[in-house]
Amino acid sequence: TLVFEKKASDLISLNLMLPGINVQQLLQKICHVPVIVVIAKTGSDDKANMLLHGACDYIIKPFSNRELLARAQVQL
């Protein structure tokens, strides 16, 4: 059982490279909460796929805390 299934969340930051987890399927399960995907890939297909599968935004590694906080504030 994942943490978000037990607790209410206002926003989720999700690493695209979670081992053993299909992020696209996971995004469909948590469609009721804004998700910012943390991504190391910079290809436009990767970014577009995350947005098309339910992510509200993405941030590319490496990133600054300030940028992540600004993106979170926009979603909240």
C-alpha atoms as a PDB file:
ATOM      1  CA  THR A   1       0.000   0.000   0.000  1.00  0.00           C
ATOM      2  CA  LEU A   2       1.342   3.393  -0.941  1.00  0.00           C
ATOM      3  CA  VAL A   3       1.413   6.311   1.479  1.00  0.00           C
ATOM      4  CA  PHE A   4      -0.948   8.445  -0.602  1.00  0.00           C
ATOM      5  CA  GLU A   5      -3.613   5.745  -0.305  1.00  0.00           C
ATOM      6  CA  LYS A   6      -3.575   6.113   3.504  1.00  0.00           C
ATOM      7  CA  LYS A   7      -3.217   9.878   3.938  1.00  0.00           C
ATOM      8  CA  ALA A   8      -4.738  12.886   2.261  1.00  0.00           C
ATOM      9  CA  SER A   9      -2.209  14.902   0.274  1.00  0.00           C
ATOM     10  CA  ASP A  10      -2.390  18.351  -1.265  1.00  0.00           C
ATOM     11  CA  LEU A  11       0.455  17.747  -3.714  1.00  0.00           C
ATOM     12  CA  ILE A  12       2.757  14.895  -4.691  1.00  0.00           C
ATOM     13  CA  SER A  13       6.301  15.126  -6.024  1.00  0.00           C
ATOM     14  CA  LEU A  14       7.021  11.902  -7.896  1.00  0.00           C
ATOM     15  CA  ASN A  15      10.361  10.635  -9.208  1.00  0.00           C
ATOM     16  CA  LEU A  16       9.958   9.293 -12.738  1.00  0.00           C
ATOM     17  CA  MET A  17      12.592   6.596 -12.203  1.00  0.00           C
ATOM     18  CA  LEU A  18      10.952   4.665  -9.364  1.00  0.00           C
ATOM     19  CA  PRO A  19      12.220   1.078  -9.555  1.00  0.00           C
ATOM     20  CA  GLY A  20       9.541  -1.496 -10.285  1.00  0.00           C
ATOM     21  CA  ILE A  21       6.730   1.029 -10.658  1.00  0.00           C
ATOM     22  CA  ASN A  22       5.067   2.136 -13.880  1.00  0.00           C
ATOM     23  CA  VAL A  23       4.726   5.873 -13.304  1.00  0.00           C
ATOM     24  CA  GLN A  24       2.073   6.272 -15.988  1.00  0.00           C
ATOM     25  CA  GLN A  25      -0.173   3.734 -14.256  1.00  0.00           C
ATOM     26  CA  LEU A  26       0.538   5.337 -10.890  1.00  0.00           C
ATOM     27  CA  LEU A  27      -0.469   8.758 -12.210  1.00  0.00           C
ATOM     28  CA  GLN A  28      -3.846   7.352 -13.201  1.00  0.00           C
ATOM     29  CA  LYS A  29      -4.396   6.118  -9.630  1.00  0.00           C
ATOM     30  CA  ILE A  30      -3.660   9.496  -8.059  1.00  0.00           C
ATOM     31  CA  CYS A  31      -5.564  11.716 -10.462  1.00  0.00           C
ATOM     32  CA  HIS A  32      -7.321  13.443  -7.552  1.00  0.00           C
ATOM     33  CA  VAL A  33      -4.070  15.098  -6.348  1.00  0.00           C
ATOM     34  CA  PRO A  34      -1.769  17.423  -8.322  1.00  0.00           C
ATOM     35  CA  VAL A  35       1.478  15.630  -9.206  1.00  0.00           C
ATOM     36  CA  ILE A  36       4.787  17.228 -10.121  1.00  0.00           C
ATOM     37  CA  VAL A  37       6.990  14.640 -11.794  1.00  0.00           C
ATOM     38  CA  VAL A  38      10.724  14.830 -11.127  1.00  0.00           C
ATOM     39  CA  ILE A  39      12.436  13.791 -14.346  1.00  0.00           C
ATOM     40  CA  ALA A  40      16.043  13.317 -15.445  1.00  0.00           C
ATOM     41  CA  LYS A  41      15.114  12.842 -19.081  1.00  0.00           C
ATOM     42  CA  THR A  42      14.881  15.992 -21.148  1.00  0.00           C
ATOM     43  CA  GLY A  43      13.277  14.628 -24.295  1.00  0.00           C
ATOM     44  CA  SER A  44      10.046  16.314 -25.300  1.00  0.00           C
ATOM     45  CA  ASP A  45       8.328  12.906 -25.670  1.00  0.00           C
ATOM     46  CA  ASP A  46       9.085  11.995 -22.038  1.00  0.00           C
ATOM     47  CA  LYS A  47       7.774  15.316 -20.762  1.00  0.00           C
ATOM     48  CA  ALA A  48       4.683  15.222 -22.967  1.00  0.00           C
ATOM     49  CA  ASN A  49       3.878  11.653 -21.912  1.00  0.00           C
ATOM     50  CA  MET A  50       3.915  12.562 -18.225  1.00  0.00           C
ATOM     51  CA  LEU A  51       1.597  15.521 -18.828  1.00  0.00           C
ATOM     52  CA  LEU A  52      -0.731  13.439 -21.007  1.00  0.00           C
ATOM     53  CA  HIS A  53      -0.911  10.722 -18.338  1.00  0.00           C
ATOM     54  CA  GLY A  54      -1.962  13.038 -15.545  1.00  0.00           C
ATOM     55  CA  ALA A  55       1.005  14.986 -14.212  1.00  0.00           C
ATOM     56  CA  CYS A  56       0.178  18.652 -13.650  1.00  0.00           C
ATOM     57  CA  ASP A  57       3.819  19.721 -14.080  1.00  0.00           C
ATOM     58  CA  TYR A  58       7.353  18.390 -14.258  1.00  0.00           C
ATOM     59  CA  ILE A  59      10.749  19.518 -13.069  1.00  0.00           C
ATOM     60  CA  ILE A  60      14.051  18.417 -14.580  1.00  0.00           C
ATOM     61  CA  LYS A  61      16.950  17.152 -12.443  1.00  0.00           C
ATOM     62  CA  PRO A  62      19.020  18.785 -11.156  1.00  0.00           C
ATOM     63  CA  PHE A  63      16.716  21.501  -9.839  1.00  0.00           C
ATOM     64  CA  SER A  64      16.808  24.096  -7.102  1.00  0.00           C
ATOM     65  CA  ASN A  65      14.556  24.048  -4.054  1.00  0.00           C
ATOM     66  CA  ARG A  66      13.333  27.496  -5.066  1.00  0.00           C
ATOM     67  CA  GLU A  67      12.122  26.213  -8.435  1.00  0.00           C
ATOM     68  CA  LEU A  68      10.364  23.219  -6.858  1.00  0.00           C
ATOM     69  CA  LEU A  69       8.681  25.447  -4.257  1.00  0.00           C
ATOM     70  CA  ALA A  70       7.541  27.876  -6.967  1.00  0.00           C
ATOM     71  CA  ARG A  71       6.025  25.062  -9.037  1.00  0.00           C
ATOM     72  CA  ALA A  72       4.320  23.652  -5.933  1.00  0.00           C
ATOM     73  CA  GLN A  73       2.919  27.079  -5.032  1.00  0.00           C
ATOM     74  CA  VAL A  74       1.433  27.450  -8.529  1.00  0.00           C
ATOM     75  CA  GLN A  75      -0.347  24.100  -8.185  1.00  0.00           C
ATOM     76  CA  LEU A  76      -1.662  24.813  -4.708  1.00  0.00           C
END
